[in-house]
Amino acid sequence: MHLISSNSHQEVFRYEDLSNLKDQDWVAADLHVHSIYSHDVLPARALHPDDLYREARNRGMNYFTLTDHDTMQAFDILGQEDGLVTGVEIKIKDLNLVGHTIHINIYDLNKAEFMEVEEIARVECDLKKLLKFLNNHGLPFIYNHPFWFEPKESPNLKVIPEIVKLFPVIEYNMHQIRRKNELTIELARRYEKGLVAATDTHSGNVGKIFTLAKGDTFREYFKNIAAGKSYLVFCDMRLEDIIDEVNTWIKLIFDSGTTRSTEAQFSTGLCYLDKLIWALTSETLSNLPRLSKVLEFLAYKISNSGIPAYLYLTKENCFVPEIEGQISKLFSCLEKI
């Protein structure tokens, strides 16, 4: 784990210094967490909103939010808990301004505001109108993983710095490779934007990385992040981390409580993975314990070989030179002006 100030290139601390910051009234939150109400999360008991809340509090998170995809259903379950902040992850594809889909986390909003946000994002697909609405209502929001793109979409890399300018805060994402996160930090510092470190967990690993800032209320906490008065507690994604993540998914899949209902609409966006998970979580397989055990053994064997993790890292790293080239060109042009 690493601890770094979000407003300085030089100020890097040992993780052991975290306890000193906690003693000075710095508070923690993982601002990107998914529950069973997201379409790409398995229907496991450990991923229910109340279980995630308890896990986050046990890991020292002072504020807790859930940012499920385009839904706030989880908050009907949670009610009024200490440190709870409403949240949602909205996706919007503004073909005129951006050209590809971007994801935005919005916090401390009510159901009426959520309905208006959804209308603008889904029907009007107007990013500037959406951001104007958020600013007019004083809602905290962040630009999630700027260098992650929807499957099969061709991203408009040139526009990303311009999009960053429209946001108060951007995200260092645990599930992005190190170089992509380094580029995110570079963009944040160049344009004087706040930074958060968040897990974006879909498997219950809430609070593995997080953001420290001061704030007696969530709004005050977020305001300090936007002003660069925060610390990121983060770790880079390694081969071992991906293997652990895959093993967590396998455990969730083969957990006796993880049998989807016939009404489930689970989707990762990758058809082959969806078909595999649908098969492995079917009621039919749960009635075939011997076959289930064989498949579980094979799944762990393949995961622990490191092959899936290696292929994922290779694929992600292949795209980095193109991103770096586009961003470097834009920075060079700005420096000449």
C-alpha atoms as a PDB file:
ATOM      1  CA  MET A   1       0.000   0.000   0.000  1.00  0.00           C
ATOM      2  CA  HIS A   2       1.106   3.574  -0.688  1.00  0.00           C
ATOM      3  CA  LEU A   3       0.066   6.943   0.723  1.00  0.00           C
ATOM      4  CA  ILE A   4       0.408  10.030  -1.456  1.00  0.00           C
ATOM      5  CA  SER A   5      -0.733  13.637  -1.202  1.00  0.00           C
ATOM      6  CA  SER A   6      -3.103  14.510  -4.041  1.00  0.00           C
ATOM      7  CA  ASN A   7      -1.688  18.026  -4.460  1.00  0.00           C
ATOM      8  CA  SER A   8       2.051  17.377  -4.721  1.00  0.00           C
ATOM      9  CA  HIS A   9       4.379  15.412  -6.993  1.00  0.00           C
ATOM     10  CA  GLN A  10       6.914  14.968  -4.196  1.00  0.00           C
ATOM     11  CA  GLU A  11       4.993  14.334  -0.998  1.00  0.00           C
ATOM     12  CA  VAL A  12       4.894  10.548  -0.689  1.00  0.00           C
ATOM     13  CA  PHE A  13       4.534   8.840   2.686  1.00  0.00           C
ATOM     14  CA  ARG A  14       4.914   5.389   4.134  1.00  0.00           C
ATOM     15  CA  TYR A  15       1.646   3.565   4.723  1.00  0.00           C
ATOM     16  CA  GLU A  16       2.588   3.407   8.418  1.00  0.00           C
ATOM     17  CA  ASP A  17       1.978   7.177   8.594  1.00  0.00           C
ATOM     18  CA  LEU A  18      -1.747   6.533   8.104  1.00  0.00           C
ATOM     19  CA  SER A  19      -2.354   6.147  11.832  1.00  0.00           C
ATOM     20  CA  ASN A  20      -0.878   9.588  12.452  1.00  0.00           C
ATOM     21  CA  LEU A  21      -3.291  11.152   9.960  1.00  0.00           C
ATOM     22  CA  LYS A  22      -6.254   9.370  11.539  1.00  0.00           C
ATOM     23  CA  ASP A  23      -5.248  10.869  14.882  1.00  0.00           C
ATOM     24  CA  GLN A  24      -5.428  14.317  13.241  1.00  0.00           C
ATOM     25  CA  ASP A  25      -9.126  13.958  12.317  1.00  0.00           C
ATOM     26  CA  TRP A  26      -8.605  12.792   8.730  1.00  0.00           C
ATOM     27  CA  VAL A  27     -11.480  10.570   7.654  1.00  0.00           C
ATOM     28  CA  ALA A  28     -11.648   7.817   5.046  1.00  0.00           C
ATOM     29  CA  ALA A  29     -14.007   6.668   2.301  1.00  0.00           C
ATOM     30  CA  ASP A  30     -13.979   4.309  -0.659  1.00  0.00           C
ATOM     31  CA  LEU A  31     -16.133   6.271  -3.093  1.00  0.00           C
ATOM     32  CA  HIS A  32     -16.758   3.596  -5.758  1.00  0.00           C
ATOM     33  CA  VAL A  33     -18.451   0.389  -4.578  1.00  0.00           C
ATOM     34  CA  HIS A  34     -20.992  -1.903  -6.267  1.00  0.00           C
ATOM     35  CA  SER A  35     -23.602  -4.135  -4.665  1.00  0.00           C
ATOM     36  CA  ILE A  36     -25.952  -6.842  -5.947  1.00  0.00           C
ATOM     37  CA  TYR A  37     -28.082  -4.089  -7.473  1.00  0.00           C
ATOM     38  CA  SER A  38     -25.490  -3.541 -10.203  1.00  0.00           C
ATOM     39  CA  HIS A  39     -26.061  -5.636 -13.324  1.00  0.00           C
ATOM     40  CA  ASP A  40     -22.465  -6.923 -13.281  1.00  0.00           C
ATOM     41  CA  VAL A  41     -22.347  -8.119  -9.662  1.00  0.00           C
ATOM     42  CA  LEU A  42     -23.053 -11.699  -8.607  1.00  0.00           C
ATOM     43  CA  PRO A  43     -26.107 -12.282  -6.369  1.00  0.00           C
ATOM     44  CA  ALA A  44     -23.987 -13.295  -3.364  1.00  0.00           C
ATOM     45  CA  ARG A  45     -24.867 -12.631   0.273  1.00  0.00           C
ATOM     46  CA  ALA A  46     -21.524 -10.884   0.862  1.00  0.00           C
ATOM     47  CA  LEU A  47     -22.443  -8.320  -1.808  1.00  0.00           C
ATOM     48  CA  HIS A  48     -25.724  -7.231  -0.254  1.00  0.00           C
ATOM     49  CA  PRO A  49     -25.759  -3.549   0.742  1.00  0.00           C
ATOM     50  CA  ASP A  50     -25.908  -4.192   4.484  1.00  0.00           C
ATOM     51  CA  ASP A  51     -22.985  -6.657   4.366  1.00  0.00           C
ATOM     52  CA  LEU A  52     -20.892  -4.193   2.345  1.00  0.00           C
ATOM     53  CA  TYR A  53     -21.727  -1.439   4.818  1.00  0.00           C
ATOM     54  CA  ARG A  54     -20.537  -3.533   7.761  1.00  0.00           C
ATOM     55  CA  GLU A  55     -17.359  -4.554   5.898  1.00  0.00           C
ATOM     56  CA  ALA A  56     -16.545  -0.942   5.049  1.00  0.00           C
ATOM     57  CA  ARG A  57     -17.036   0.195   8.643  1.00  0.00           C
ATOM     58  CA  ASN A  58     -14.907  -2.700   9.899  1.00  0.00           C
ATOM     59  CA  ARG A  59     -12.125  -1.542   7.563  1.00  0.00           C
ATOM     60  CA  GLY A  60     -12.203   1.958   8.995  1.00  0.00           C
ATOM     61  CA  MET A  61     -14.289   3.799   6.405  1.00  0.00           C
ATOM     62  CA  ASN A  62     -15.922   6.812   8.051  1.00  0.00           C
ATOM     63  CA  TYR A  63     -18.243   7.482   5.126  1.00  0.00           C
ATOM     64  CA  PHE A  64     -19.899   4.741   3.083  1.00  0.00           C
ATOM     65  CA  THR A  65     -21.584   4.950  -0.285  1.00  0.00           C
ATOM     66  CA  LEU A  66     -22.760   2.560  -2.968  1.00  0.00           C
ATOM     67  CA  THR A  67     -22.461   3.556  -6.612  1.00  0.00           C
ATOM     68  CA  ASP A  68     -24.482   0.954  -8.455  1.00  0.00           C
ATOM     69  CA  HIS A  69     -25.000   1.317 -12.195  1.00  0.00           C
ATOM     70  CA  ASP A  70     -27.938   3.634 -12.912  1.00  0.00           C
ATOM     71  CA  THR A  71     -29.890   2.634  -9.804  1.00  0.00           C
ATOM     72  CA  MET A  72     -30.283   3.666  -6.165  1.00  0.00           C
ATOM     73  CA  GLN A  73     -32.236   0.569  -5.045  1.00  0.00           C
ATOM     74  CA  ALA A  74     -29.585  -0.328  -2.465  1.00  0.00           C
ATOM     75  CA  PHE A  75     -30.542   2.648  -0.332  1.00  0.00           C
ATOM     76  CA  ASP A  76     -34.058   1.288   0.140  1.00  0.00           C
ATOM     77  CA  ILE A  77     -32.370  -1.580   2.009  1.00  0.00           C
ATOM     78  CA  LEU A  78     -29.879   0.439   4.046  1.00  0.00           C
ATOM     79  CA  GLY A  79     -32.130   3.104   5.507  1.00  0.00           C
ATOM     80  CA  GLN A  80     -30.433   5.610   7.820  1.00  0.00           C
ATOM     81  CA  GLU A  81     -26.997   4.323   8.794  1.00  0.00           C
ATOM     82  CA  ASP A  82     -24.171   6.266  10.420  1.00  0.00           C
ATOM     83  CA  GLY A  83     -21.851   7.733   7.774  1.00  0.00           C
ATOM     84  CA  LEU A  84     -24.086   6.630   4.899  1.00  0.00           C
ATOM     85  CA  VAL A  85     -24.041   8.779   1.743  1.00  0.00           C
ATOM     86  CA  THR A  86     -26.321   8.144  -1.209  1.00  0.00           C
ATOM     87  CA  GLY A  87     -24.624   7.561  -4.545  1.00  0.00           C
ATOM     88  CA  VAL A  88     -24.978   6.261  -8.089  1.00  0.00           C
ATOM     89  CA  GLU A  89     -22.776   5.591 -11.118  1.00  0.00           C
ATOM     90  CA  ILE A  90     -24.297   7.140 -14.220  1.00  0.00           C
ATOM     91  CA  LYS A  91     -23.131   6.404 -17.736  1.00  0.00           C
ATOM     92  CA  ILE A  92     -23.653   8.856 -20.555  1.00  0.00           C
ATOM     93  CA  LYS A  93     -22.716   8.759 -24.224  1.00  0.00           C
ATOM     94  CA  ASP A  94     -22.649  12.278 -25.619  1.00  0.00           C
ATOM     95  CA  LEU A  95     -21.779  11.718 -29.279  1.00  0.00           C
ATOM     96  CA  ASN A  96     -21.354  15.425 -30.012  1.00  0.00           C
ATOM     97  CA  LEU A  97     -19.118  16.443 -27.104  1.00  0.00           C
ATOM     98  CA  VAL A  98     -17.273  13.197 -26.292  1.00  0.00           C
ATOM     99  CA  GLY A  99     -17.916  10.402 -28.770  1.00  0.00           C
ATOM    100  CA  HIS A 100     -17.693   7.514 -26.297  1.00  0.00           C
ATOM    101  CA  THR A 101     -19.372   6.499 -23.046  1.00  0.00           C
ATOM    102  CA  ILE A 102     -18.093   7.978 -19.798  1.00  0.00           C
ATOM    103  CA  HIS A 103     -19.030   7.057 -16.221  1.00  0.00           C
ATOM    104  CA  ILE A 104     -19.813   9.590 -13.511  1.00  0.00           C
ATOM    105  CA  ASN A 105     -20.261   8.981  -9.789  1.00  0.00           C
ATOM    106  CA  ILE A 106     -22.756  11.332  -8.128  1.00  0.00           C
ATOM    107  CA  TYR A 107     -23.183  11.600  -4.355  1.00  0.00           C
ATOM    108  CA  ASP A 108     -25.616  12.874  -1.732  1.00  0.00           C
ATOM    109  CA  LEU A 109     -28.557  13.014  -4.134  1.00  0.00           C
ATOM    110  CA  ASN A 110     -32.208  12.196  -3.526  1.00  0.00           C
ATOM    111  CA  LYS A 111     -34.579  10.078  -5.620  1.00  0.00           C
ATOM    112  CA  ALA A 112     -36.073  13.074  -7.451  1.00  0.00           C
ATOM    113  CA  GLU A 113     -32.615  14.330  -8.427  1.00  0.00           C
ATOM    114  CA  PHE A 114     -31.675  10.830  -9.540  1.00  0.00           C
ATOM    115  CA  MET A 115     -34.700  10.654 -11.851  1.00  0.00           C
ATOM    116  CA  GLU A 116     -33.755  13.944 -13.491  1.00  0.00           C
ATOM    117  CA  VAL A 117     -30.134  12.845 -13.871  1.00  0.00           C
ATOM    118  CA  GLU A 118     -31.242   9.596 -15.522  1.00  0.00           C
ATOM    119  CA  GLU A 119     -33.489  11.479 -17.935  1.00  0.00           C
ATOM    120  CA  ILE A 120     -30.664  13.754 -19.078  1.00  0.00           C
ATOM    121  CA  ALA A 121     -28.126  10.926 -19.325  1.00  0.00           C
ATOM    122  CA  ARG A 122     -30.268   8.275 -21.020  1.00  0.00           C
ATOM    123  CA  VAL A 123     -32.678  10.275 -23.154  1.00  0.00           C
ATOM    124  CA  GLU A 124     -30.969  13.572 -23.920  1.00  0.00           C
ATOM    125  CA  CYS A 125     -27.377  12.267 -23.761  1.00  0.00           C
ATOM    126  CA  ASP A 126     -26.186  15.809 -23.078  1.00  0.00           C
ATOM    127  CA  LEU A 127     -23.084  15.902 -20.856  1.00  0.00           C
ATOM    128  CA  LYS A 128     -22.942  19.679 -20.431  1.00  0.00           C
ATOM    129  CA  LYS A 129     -26.607  19.807 -19.451  1.00  0.00           C
ATOM    130  CA  LEU A 130     -26.031  17.006 -16.946  1.00  0.00           C
ATOM    131  CA  LEU A 131     -23.035  18.745 -15.366  1.00  0.00           C
ATOM    132  CA  LYS A 132     -24.939  22.039 -15.253  1.00  0.00           C
ATOM    133  CA  PHE A 133     -27.731  20.269 -13.363  1.00  0.00           C
ATOM    134  CA  LEU A 134     -25.251  18.761 -10.879  1.00  0.00           C
ATOM    135  CA  ASN A 135     -23.543  22.103 -10.292  1.00  0.00           C
ATOM    136  CA  ASN A 136     -26.844  23.975  -9.926  1.00  0.00           C
ATOM    137  CA  HIS A 137     -27.981  21.462  -7.305  1.00  0.00           C
ATOM    138  CA  GLY A 138     -24.617  21.507  -5.530  1.00  0.00           C
ATOM    139  CA  LEU A 139     -24.142  17.753  -5.912  1.00  0.00           C
ATOM    140  CA  PRO A 140     -20.652  16.230  -5.497  1.00  0.00           C
ATOM    141  CA  PHE A 141     -19.534  14.256  -8.579  1.00  0.00           C
ATOM    142  CA  ILE A 142     -16.407  12.701 -10.079  1.00  0.00           C
ATOM    143  CA  TYR A 143     -15.136  11.520 -13.489  1.00  0.00           C
ATOM    144  CA  ASN A 144     -14.568   7.788 -13.115  1.00  0.00           C
ATOM    145  CA  HIS A 145     -11.593   5.933 -14.641  1.00  0.00           C
ATOM    146  CA  PRO A 146     -10.939   8.325 -17.589  1.00  0.00           C
ATOM    147  CA  PHE A 147      -8.961   5.663 -19.467  1.00  0.00           C
ATOM    148  CA  TRP A 148     -11.463   2.809 -19.179  1.00  0.00           C
ATOM    149  CA  PHE A 149     -13.796   2.368 -22.136  1.00  0.00           C
ATOM    150  CA  GLU A 150     -16.880   0.302 -22.869  1.00  0.00           C
ATOM    151  CA  PRO A 151     -16.233  -2.931 -24.803  1.00  0.00           C
ATOM    152  CA  LYS A 152     -16.292  -2.473 -28.595  1.00  0.00           C
ATOM    153  CA  GLU A 153     -16.283   1.341 -28.348  1.00  0.00           C
ATOM    154  CA  SER A 154     -13.638   3.406 -30.124  1.00  0.00           C
ATOM    155  CA  PRO A 155     -12.608   6.096 -27.614  1.00  0.00           C
ATOM    156  CA  ASN A 156     -11.962   9.677 -28.588  1.00  0.00           C
ATOM    157  CA  LEU A 157      -8.678  10.059 -26.680  1.00  0.00           C
ATOM    158  CA  LYS A 158      -8.129  13.650 -27.792  1.00  0.00           C
ATOM    159  CA  VAL A 159     -11.166  14.892 -25.904  1.00  0.00           C
ATOM    160  CA  ILE A 160     -10.326  13.383 -22.487  1.00  0.00           C
ATOM    161  CA  PRO A 161      -8.313  16.381 -21.177  1.00  0.00           C
ATOM    162  CA  GLU A 162     -11.208  18.652 -22.176  1.00  0.00           C
ATOM    163  CA  ILE A 163     -13.641  16.432 -20.279  1.00  0.00           C
ATOM    164  CA  VAL A 164     -11.359  16.439 -17.214  1.00  0.00           C
ATOM    165  CA  LYS A 165     -11.620  20.241 -17.148  1.00  0.00           C
ATOM    166  CA  LEU A 166     -15.388  19.959 -16.588  1.00  0.00           C
ATOM    167  CA  PHE A 167     -15.077  17.901 -13.391  1.00  0.00           C
ATOM    168  CA  PRO A 168     -14.029  18.899  -9.871  1.00  0.00           C
ATOM    169  CA  VAL A 169     -12.526  15.469  -9.099  1.00  0.00           C
ATOM    170  CA  ILE A 170     -11.234  12.483 -11.097  1.00  0.00           C
ATOM    171  CA  GLU A 171     -10.582   8.913 -10.038  1.00  0.00           C
ATOM    172  CA  TYR A 172      -7.539   6.728  -9.406  1.00  0.00           C
ATOM    173  CA  ASN A 173      -9.144   3.325  -9.949  1.00  0.00           C
ATOM    174  CA  MET A 174      -7.858   0.118  -8.348  1.00  0.00           C
ATOM    175  CA  HIS A 175      -8.843  -1.954 -11.372  1.00  0.00           C
ATOM    176  CA  GLN A 176      -6.826   0.123 -13.831  1.00  0.00           C
ATOM    177  CA  ILE A 177      -3.202  -0.700 -14.635  1.00  0.00           C
ATOM    178  CA  ARG A 178      -0.551   1.485 -13.042  1.00  0.00           C
ATOM    179  CA  ARG A 179       0.320   3.545 -16.137  1.00  0.00           C
ATOM    180  CA  LYS A 180      -3.304   4.511 -16.759  1.00  0.00           C
ATOM    181  CA  ASN A 181      -3.592   5.714 -13.176  1.00  0.00           C
ATOM    182  CA  GLU A 182      -0.315   7.643 -13.504  1.00  0.00           C
ATOM    183  CA  LEU A 183      -1.762   9.432 -16.523  1.00  0.00           C
ATOM    184  CA  THR A 184      -4.895  10.193 -14.503  1.00  0.00           C
ATOM    185  CA  ILE A 185      -2.774  11.736 -11.741  1.00  0.00           C
ATOM    186  CA  GLU A 186      -0.882  13.772 -14.349  1.00  0.00           C
ATOM    187  CA  LEU A 187      -4.148  15.117 -15.781  1.00  0.00           C
ATOM    188  CA  ALA A 188      -5.488  15.970 -12.328  1.00  0.00           C
ATOM    189  CA  ARG A 189      -2.366  17.899 -11.381  1.00  0.00           C
ATOM    190  CA  ARG A 190      -2.048  19.677 -14.722  1.00  0.00           C
ATOM    191  CA  TYR A 191      -5.633  20.949 -14.523  1.00  0.00           C
ATOM    192  CA  GLU A 192      -5.668  21.328 -10.709  1.00  0.00           C
ATOM    193  CA  LYS A 193      -8.404  18.788 -10.110  1.00  0.00           C
ATOM    194  CA  GLY A 194      -9.045  16.766  -6.994  1.00  0.00           C
ATOM    195  CA  LEU A 195      -8.237  13.048  -6.889  1.00  0.00           C
ATOM    196  CA  VAL A 196      -9.872  10.094  -5.194  1.00  0.00           C
ATOM    197  CA  ALA A 197      -8.556   6.549  -4.844  1.00  0.00           C
ATOM    198  CA  ALA A 198     -11.389   4.028  -5.117  1.00  0.00           C
ATOM    199  CA  THR A 199     -11.721   0.278  -5.483  1.00  0.00           C
ATOM    200  CA  ASP A 200     -14.627   0.129  -7.962  1.00  0.00           C
ATOM    201  CA  THR A 201     -15.123  -3.250  -6.335  1.00  0.00           C
ATOM    202  CA  HIS A 202     -17.663  -5.695  -7.772  1.00  0.00           C
ATOM    203  CA  SER A 203     -16.625  -8.498  -5.423  1.00  0.00           C
ATOM    204  CA  GLY A 204     -16.868  -7.045  -1.913  1.00  0.00           C
ATOM    205  CA  ASN A 205     -13.292  -5.792  -1.544  1.00  0.00           C
ATOM    206  CA  VAL A 206     -14.496  -2.456  -0.192  1.00  0.00           C
ATOM    207  CA  GLY A 207     -11.909  -0.193   1.446  1.00  0.00           C
ATOM    208  CA  LYS A 208      -8.788  -1.857   0.031  1.00  0.00           C
ATOM    209  CA  ILE A 209      -7.844   1.579  -1.291  1.00  0.00           C
ATOM    210  CA  PHE A 210      -9.472   4.852  -0.252  1.00  0.00           C
ATOM    211  CA  THR A 211      -9.219   8.615   0.102  1.00  0.00           C
ATOM    212  CA  LEU A 212      -8.350  10.563   3.240  1.00  0.00           C
ATOM    213  CA  ALA A 213      -9.532  14.128   3.821  1.00  0.00           C
ATOM    214  CA  LYS A 214     -10.909  16.196   6.677  1.00  0.00           C
ATOM    215  CA  GLY A 215     -14.618  16.837   7.007  1.00  0.00           C
ATOM    216  CA  ASP A 216     -17.265  16.746   9.729  1.00  0.00           C
ATOM    217  CA  THR A 217     -19.826  16.258   6.953  1.00  0.00           C
ATOM    218  CA  PHE A 218     -19.553  14.473   3.626  1.00  0.00           C
ATOM    219  CA  ARG A 219     -19.947  17.756   1.724  1.00  0.00           C
ATOM    220  CA  GLU A 220     -17.023  19.244   3.660  1.00  0.00           C
ATOM    221  CA  TYR A 221     -14.982  16.080   3.074  1.00  0.00           C
ATOM    222  CA  PHE A 222     -15.647  16.226  -0.678  1.00  0.00           C
ATOM    223  CA  LYS A 223     -14.916  19.958  -0.832  1.00  0.00           C
ATOM    224  CA  ASN A 224     -11.467  19.319   0.640  1.00  0.00           C
ATOM    225  CA  ILE A 225     -10.828  16.570  -1.917  1.00  0.00           C
ATOM    226  CA  ALA A 226     -11.775  18.921  -4.763  1.00  0.00           C
ATOM    227  CA  ALA A 227      -9.366  21.499  -3.314  1.00  0.00           C
ATOM    228  CA  GLY A 228      -6.499  18.976  -3.313  1.00  0.00           C
ATOM    229  CA  LYS A 229      -6.441  18.719   0.476  1.00  0.00           C
ATOM    230  CA  SER A 230      -6.462  14.934   0.585  1.00  0.00           C
ATOM    231  CA  TYR A 231      -4.349  11.805   0.526  1.00  0.00           C
ATOM    232  CA  LEU A 232      -4.704   8.743  -1.640  1.00  0.00           C
ATOM    233  CA  VAL A 233      -4.163   5.382   0.007  1.00  0.00           C
ATOM    234  CA  PHE A 234      -3.631   3.092  -2.961  1.00  0.00           C
ATOM    235  CA  CYS A 235      -1.931   0.036  -4.398  1.00  0.00           C
ATOM    236  CA  ASP A 236      -1.060  -0.755  -7.986  1.00  0.00           C
ATOM    237  CA  MET A 237      -2.725  -3.672  -9.747  1.00  0.00           C
ATOM    238  CA  ARG A 238      -0.273  -6.560 -10.069  1.00  0.00           C
ATOM    239  CA  LEU A 239      -0.542 -10.040 -11.530  1.00  0.00           C
ATOM    240  CA  GLU A 240      -1.106 -11.418  -8.029  1.00  0.00           C
ATOM    241  CA  ASP A 241      -3.945  -8.962  -7.403  1.00  0.00           C
ATOM    242  CA  ILE A 242      -5.778 -10.045 -10.557  1.00  0.00           C
ATOM    243  CA  ILE A 243      -5.396 -13.709  -9.591  1.00  0.00           C
ATOM    244  CA  ASP A 244      -6.825 -12.894  -6.143  1.00  0.00           C
ATOM    245  CA  GLU A 245      -9.724 -11.037  -7.774  1.00  0.00           C
ATOM    246  CA  VAL A 246     -10.508 -13.945 -10.114  1.00  0.00           C
ATOM    247  CA  ASN A 247     -10.327 -16.370  -7.178  1.00  0.00           C
ATOM    248  CA  THR A 248     -12.772 -14.166  -5.266  1.00  0.00           C
ATOM    249  CA  TRP A 249     -15.204 -14.374  -8.175  1.00  0.00           C
ATOM    250  CA  ILE A 250     -14.796 -18.153  -8.279  1.00  0.00           C
ATOM    251  CA  LYS A 251     -15.508 -18.377  -4.562  1.00  0.00           C
ATOM    252  CA  LEU A 252     -18.617 -16.243  -4.982  1.00  0.00           C
ATOM    253  CA  ILE A 253     -19.799 -18.312  -7.943  1.00  0.00           C
ATOM    254  CA  PHE A 254     -19.428 -21.628  -6.122  1.00  0.00           C
ATOM    255  CA  ASP A 255     -20.699 -20.358  -2.794  1.00  0.00           C
ATOM    256  CA  SER A 256     -23.799 -22.361  -1.928  1.00  0.00           C
ATOM    257  CA  GLY A 257     -25.769 -19.135  -1.547  1.00  0.00           C
ATOM    258  CA  THR A 258     -24.931 -17.834  -5.009  1.00  0.00           C
ATOM    259  CA  THR A 259     -27.710 -19.278  -7.129  1.00  0.00           C
ATOM    260  CA  ARG A 260     -29.362 -16.718  -9.353  1.00  0.00           C
ATOM    261  CA  SER A 261     -33.101 -16.572  -9.819  1.00  0.00           C
ATOM    262  CA  THR A 262     -34.698 -16.987 -13.228  1.00  0.00           C
ATOM    263  CA  GLU A 263     -35.479 -13.245 -13.183  1.00  0.00           C
ATOM    264  CA  ALA A 264     -31.822 -12.210 -12.739  1.00  0.00           C
ATOM    265  CA  GLN A 265     -30.462  -9.828 -15.351  1.00  0.00           C
ATOM    266  CA  PHE A 266     -26.761 -10.262 -14.580  1.00  0.00           C
ATOM    267  CA  SER A 267     -24.476  -8.957 -17.334  1.00  0.00           C
ATOM    268  CA  THR A 268     -20.780  -8.067 -17.440  1.00  0.00           C
ATOM    269  CA  GLY A 269     -21.015  -6.791 -21.005  1.00  0.00           C
ATOM    270  CA  LEU A 270     -18.836  -9.703 -22.205  1.00  0.00           C
ATOM    271  CA  CYS A 271     -21.126 -12.334 -23.706  1.00  0.00           C
ATOM    272  CA  TYR A 272     -18.795 -15.328 -23.202  1.00  0.00           C
ATOM    273  CA  LEU A 273     -18.195 -14.485 -19.528  1.00  0.00           C
ATOM    274  CA  ASP A 274     -21.920 -13.886 -19.038  1.00  0.00           C
ATOM    275  CA  LYS A 275     -22.754 -17.323 -20.469  1.00  0.00           C
ATOM    276  CA  LEU A 276     -20.166 -18.985 -18.208  1.00  0.00           C
ATOM    277  CA  ILE A 277     -21.428 -17.243 -15.067  1.00  0.00           C
ATOM    278  CA  TRP A 278     -25.057 -17.932 -15.954  1.00  0.00           C
ATOM    279  CA  ALA A 279     -24.189 -21.622 -16.335  1.00  0.00           C
ATOM    280  CA  LEU A 280     -22.157 -21.820 -13.124  1.00  0.00           C
ATOM    281  CA  THR A 281     -24.817 -20.061 -11.024  1.00  0.00           C
ATOM    282  CA  SER A 282     -27.782 -21.974 -12.416  1.00  0.00           C
ATOM    283  CA  GLU A 283     -30.096 -23.981 -10.195  1.00  0.00           C
ATOM    284  CA  THR A 284     -29.430 -27.014 -12.428  1.00  0.00           C
ATOM    285  CA  LEU A 285     -25.719 -27.034 -11.569  1.00  0.00           C
ATOM    286  CA  SER A 286     -26.477 -26.580  -7.876  1.00  0.00           C
ATOM    287  CA  ASN A 287     -28.335 -29.895  -8.061  1.00  0.00           C
ATOM    288  CA  LEU A 288     -25.221 -31.604  -9.492  1.00  0.00           C
ATOM    289  CA  PRO A 289     -22.713 -31.297  -6.622  1.00  0.00           C
ATOM    290  CA  ARG A 290     -20.070 -33.620  -8.125  1.00  0.00           C
ATOM    291  CA  LEU A 291     -19.937 -31.734 -11.425  1.00  0.00           C
ATOM    292  CA  SER A 292     -19.905 -28.477  -9.511  1.00  0.00           C
ATOM    293  CA  LYS A 293     -16.875 -29.621  -7.493  1.00  0.00           C
ATOM    294  CA  VAL A 294     -14.978 -30.607 -10.646  1.00  0.00           C
ATOM    295  CA  LEU A 295     -15.697 -27.266 -12.295  1.00  0.00           C
ATOM    296  CA  GLU A 296     -14.661 -25.408  -9.146  1.00  0.00           C
ATOM    297  CA  PHE A 297     -11.340 -27.282  -9.038  1.00  0.00           C
ATOM    298  CA  LEU A 298     -10.660 -26.551 -12.720  1.00  0.00           C
ATOM    299  CA  ALA A 299     -11.582 -22.881 -12.330  1.00  0.00           C
ATOM    300  CA  TYR A 300      -9.112 -22.388  -9.454  1.00  0.00           C
ATOM    301  CA  LYS A 301      -6.447 -24.336 -11.357  1.00  0.00           C
ATOM    302  CA  ILE A 302      -6.742 -22.079 -14.395  1.00  0.00           C
ATOM    303  CA  SER A 303      -6.882 -18.910 -12.300  1.00  0.00           C
ATOM    304  CA  ASN A 304      -3.843 -19.793 -10.169  1.00  0.00           C
ATOM    305  CA  SER A 305      -1.828 -20.561 -13.296  1.00  0.00           C
ATOM    306  CA  GLY A 306      -1.814 -16.810 -13.877  1.00  0.00           C
ATOM    307  CA  ILE A 307      -2.746 -17.182 -17.544  1.00  0.00           C
ATOM    308  CA  PRO A 308      -6.041 -15.193 -17.415  1.00  0.00           C
ATOM    309  CA  ALA A 309      -4.332 -12.446 -15.369  1.00  0.00           C
ATOM    310  CA  TYR A 310      -1.377 -12.287 -17.748  1.00  0.00           C
ATOM    311  CA  LEU A 311      -3.647 -12.049 -20.797  1.00  0.00           C
ATOM    312  CA  TYR A 312      -5.619  -9.246 -19.148  1.00  0.00           C
ATOM    313  CA  LEU A 313      -2.494  -7.229 -18.307  1.00  0.00           C
ATOM    314  CA  THR A 314      -1.087  -7.769 -21.794  1.00  0.00           C
ATOM    315  CA  LYS A 315      -4.290  -6.519 -23.388  1.00  0.00           C
ATOM    316  CA  GLU A 316      -4.439  -3.447 -21.129  1.00  0.00           C
ATOM    317  CA  ASN A 317      -0.779  -2.537 -21.658  1.00  0.00           C
ATOM    318  CA  CYS A 318      -1.082  -2.800 -25.448  1.00  0.00           C
ATOM    319  CA  PHE A 319      -3.383   0.225 -25.494  1.00  0.00           C
ATOM    320  CA  VAL A 320      -1.185   2.410 -23.276  1.00  0.00           C
ATOM    321  CA  PRO A 321       1.268   3.669 -25.970  1.00  0.00           C
ATOM    322  CA  GLU A 322      -1.645   5.027 -28.028  1.00  0.00           C
ATOM    323  CA  ILE A 323      -3.066   6.820 -24.984  1.00  0.00           C
ATOM    324  CA  GLU A 324       0.342   8.235 -24.045  1.00  0.00           C
ATOM    325  CA  GLY A 325       0.932   9.426 -27.600  1.00  0.00           C
ATOM    326  CA  GLN A 326      -2.353  11.307 -27.809  1.00  0.00           C
ATOM    327  CA  ILE A 327      -2.029  12.864 -24.358  1.00  0.00           C
ATOM    328  CA  SER A 328       1.619  13.866 -24.961  1.00  0.00           C
ATOM    329  CA  LYS A 329       0.672  15.580 -28.225  1.00  0.00           C
ATOM    330  CA  LEU A 330      -2.055  17.561 -26.479  1.00  0.00           C
ATOM    331  CA  PHE A 331       0.276  18.595 -23.668  1.00  0.00           C
ATOM    332  CA  SER A 332       2.949  19.647 -26.186  1.00  0.00           C
ATOM    333  CA  CYS A 333       0.433  21.792 -28.065  1.00  0.00           C
ATOM    334  CA  LEU A 334      -0.703  23.458 -24.834  1.00  0.00           C
ATOM    335  CA  GLU A 335       2.876  24.270 -23.835  1.00  0.00           C
ATOM    336  CA  LYS A 336       3.473  25.985 -27.187  1.00  0.00           C
ATOM    337  CA  ILE A 337       0.453  28.257 -26.775  1.00  0.00           C
END
